[in-house]
N, C-alpha and C. Protein backbone atom coordinates (compact mmCIF):
# COMPACT_ATOMS: atom_id res chain seq x y z
N MET A 1 172.78 6.18 146.57
CA MET A 1 172.84 7.03 146.63
C MET A 1 172.04 7.99 146.62
N PHE A 2 171.95 9.15 147.07
CA PHE A 2 170.71 9.92 146.66
C PHE A 2 170.84 10.99 145.80
N LEU A 3 170.15 11.34 145.28
CA LEU A 3 170.25 12.72 143.79
C LEU A 3 169.20 13.54 144.02
N GLY A 4 169.01 13.67 145.31
CA GLY A 4 167.81 15.31 145.49
C GLY A 4 166.92 14.76 145.47
N LYS A 5 165.95 13.73 144.83
CA LYS A 5 164.38 13.87 144.69
C LYS A 5 164.26 12.26 145.38
N ARG A 6 163.38 12.96 146.16
CA ARG A 6 162.99 11.99 147.01
C ARG A 6 162.73 10.61 147.01
N ASP A 7 161.91 10.02 145.29
CA ASP A 7 162.05 8.88 144.58
C ASP A 7 162.88 8.61 144.02
N LYS A 8 164.14 9.26 144.13
CA LYS A 8 165.21 8.32 143.66
C LYS A 8 166.65 8.31 144.73
N ASP A 9 166.65 6.29 144.40
CA ASP A 9 167.83 5.99 144.90
C ASP A 9 168.43 5.17 144.32
N VAL A 10 169.57 5.91 143.87
CA VAL A 10 169.89 5.55 142.78
C VAL A 10 171.64 4.26 143.61
N ARG A 11 171.16 3.03 143.41
CA ARG A 11 172.87 2.03 143.80
C ARG A 11 173.97 2.25 143.27
N LEU A 12 174.69 2.79 143.41
CA LEU A 12 176.06 2.65 142.21
C LEU A 12 176.72 0.66 142.44
N THR A 13 177.29 0.33 141.79
CA THR A 13 178.92 -0.34 142.85
C THR A 13 179.39 -0.12 142.42
N ASP A 14 180.47 -0.44 143.74
CA ASP A 14 181.97 0.29 144.01
C ASP A 14 182.74 0.70 142.61
N LYS A 15 183.24 0.03 142.37
CA LYS A 15 183.28 0.81 140.49
C LYS A 15 182.91 2.10 140.32
N GLN A 16 182.08 2.17 139.86
CA GLN A 16 181.14 3.69 139.46
C GLN A 16 181.40 4.37 140.65
N TYR A 17 180.86 4.02 142.12
CA TYR A 17 181.16 5.56 142.86
C TYR A 17 182.92 5.65 143.18
N LYS A 18 183.28 5.12 142.89
CA LYS A 18 185.06 5.17 142.78
C LYS A 18 185.31 6.16 141.69
N ASP A 19 184.40 5.99 140.62
CA ASP A 19 184.85 6.86 139.42
C ASP A 19 183.76 7.99 139.73
N LEU A 20 183.33 7.84 140.33
CA LEU A 20 182.25 9.22 140.14
C LEU A 20 183.54 9.93 141.86
N THR A 21 183.58 9.81 142.63
CA THR A 21 184.78 10.35 143.63
C THR A 21 185.63 10.70 142.90
N SER A 22 186.55 10.15 142.55
CA SER A 22 188.35 10.18 142.02
C SER A 22 188.22 11.25 141.27
N ASN A 23 187.79 12.13 141.15
CA ASN A 23 188.68 13.31 140.63
C ASN A 23 188.23 14.49 141.81
N MET A 24 186.77 14.42 142.30
CA MET A 24 186.57 15.11 143.72
C MET A 24 188.22 15.47 144.58
N SER A 25 187.67 16.96 144.79
CA SER A 25 189.05 16.76 146.45
C SER A 25 188.00 16.24 147.71
N LYS A 26 189.50 16.27 148.72
CA LYS A 26 188.79 15.48 149.87
C LYS A 26 187.55 16.60 150.26
N LYS A 27 187.56 17.78 150.39
CA LYS A 27 186.65 18.50 150.64
C LYS A 27 185.33 18.44 150.06
N GLU A 28 185.72 18.47 148.67
CA GLU A 28 184.17 17.77 147.77
C GLU A 28 183.83 16.46 148.54
N ARG A 29 184.41 15.63 148.52
CA ARG A 29 184.30 14.41 148.55
C ARG A 29 183.13 14.29 150.43
N ARG A 30 183.78 14.65 151.07
CA ARG A 30 183.23 15.07 152.46
C ARG A 30 182.18 15.90 152.24
N GLU A 31 181.51 16.68 151.39
CA GLU A 31 180.56 17.36 151.65
C GLU A 31 179.89 16.40 150.69
N PHE A 32 180.07 15.79 150.16
CA PHE A 32 179.31 14.95 148.95
C PHE A 32 178.32 13.97 150.28
N GLU A 33 179.97 13.34 150.85
CA GLU A 33 179.32 12.44 151.51
C GLU A 33 178.06 12.90 152.96
N ARG A 34 178.41 13.96 153.67
CA ARG A 34 177.64 14.70 154.44
C ARG A 34 175.98 14.75 154.04
N ARG A 35 176.01 15.12 152.36
CA ARG A 35 175.05 15.73 151.69
C ARG A 35 173.97 14.46 151.60
N GLN A 36 175.07 13.49 151.43
CA GLN A 36 174.36 12.01 150.94
C GLN A 36 173.83 11.11 152.20
N ASP A 37 174.65 11.79 153.31
CA ASP A 37 173.78 11.29 154.84
C ASP A 37 172.67 11.65 155.20
N GLU A 38 172.76 13.42 154.85
CA GLU A 38 171.40 14.09 155.27
C GLU A 38 169.90 13.69 154.87
N LEU A 39 170.53 13.09 152.85
CA LEU A 39 169.08 12.83 152.11
C LEU A 39 169.06 10.98 153.08
N ARG A 40 170.19 10.62 153.29
CA ARG A 40 169.49 9.23 153.38
C ARG A 40 168.50 9.27 155.13
N ARG A 41 168.89 10.35 155.70
CA ARG A 41 168.46 10.67 156.97
C ARG A 41 167.21 10.96 156.70
N GLU A 42 167.16 11.79 155.56
CA GLU A 42 165.37 12.77 155.42
C GLU A 42 164.60 11.59 155.03
N ARG A 43 165.16 10.63 154.17
CA ARG A 43 164.34 9.91 153.18
C ARG A 43 163.99 8.85 154.37
N GLU A 44 164.69 8.26 155.95
CA GLU A 44 164.48 7.65 156.59
C GLU A 44 163.60 8.23 157.70
N GLU A 45 163.69 9.17 157.60
CA GLU A 45 162.22 10.10 158.71
C GLU A 45 160.87 10.20 157.91
N ASP A 46 161.19 10.24 156.69
CA ASP A 46 159.38 10.32 155.66
C ASP A 46 158.85 8.55 155.40
N ARG A 47 159.61 7.93 155.97
CA ARG A 47 159.94 6.37 155.93
C ARG A 47 158.52 6.21 156.84
N LEU A 48 159.49 6.40 157.90
CA LEU A 48 158.71 6.40 159.43
C LEU A 48 157.70 7.57 159.59
N LEU A 49 157.37 8.25 158.88
CA LEU A 49 156.49 8.86 159.75
C LEU A 49 155.48 8.83 158.98
N GLY A 50 155.59 8.53 157.16
CA GLY A 50 154.14 7.34 156.91
C GLY A 50 153.93 6.50 157.55
N TRP A 51 155.01 5.52 158.04
CA TRP A 51 153.93 4.52 158.89
C TRP A 51 153.59 4.85 159.79
N LEU A 52 153.53 5.59 160.82
CA LEU A 52 152.87 6.70 161.79
C LEU A 52 152.15 7.02 161.61
N GLU A 53 151.90 7.69 160.56
CA GLU A 53 150.66 8.39 159.62
C GLU A 53 149.40 6.96 159.57
N PHE A 54 149.93 5.98 158.79
CA PHE A 54 149.24 5.03 158.33
C PHE A 54 148.67 4.12 159.27
N GLU A 55 149.47 3.62 160.39
CA GLU A 55 149.02 3.45 162.05
C GLU A 55 147.92 4.00 162.66
N ASP A 56 147.84 5.51 162.24
CA ASP A 56 146.97 6.53 162.83
C ASP A 56 145.83 6.27 162.48
N GLU A 57 145.93 6.44 161.09
CA GLU A 57 144.26 5.89 160.66
C GLU A 57 143.70 4.15 160.48
N LEU A 58 144.61 3.74 160.71
CA LEU A 58 144.46 2.54 160.95
C LEU A 58 143.88 2.03 162.26
N ASP A 59 143.79 3.25 163.36
CA ASP A 59 143.86 3.30 164.88
C ASP A 59 142.13 4.03 164.70
N ASP A 60 142.24 4.99 163.85
CA ASP A 60 140.92 5.48 163.64
C ASP A 60 139.87 5.02 163.26
N MET A 61 140.27 4.02 162.70
CA MET A 61 139.14 3.25 161.86
C MET A 61 138.51 2.35 163.09
């Protein structure tokens, strides 16, 4: 689970996740899941870009 900060990746147990989402409407839950997927993709993109920049720096040496 991502809470909007790039360096925060919070792991929840299934029970904690269920407790968090149990009071949400279906629409809220869908939006929550969509945002989590978006943050996950952004984080993965940042990781890949960082790795590519690192490789470029190594190539320049």
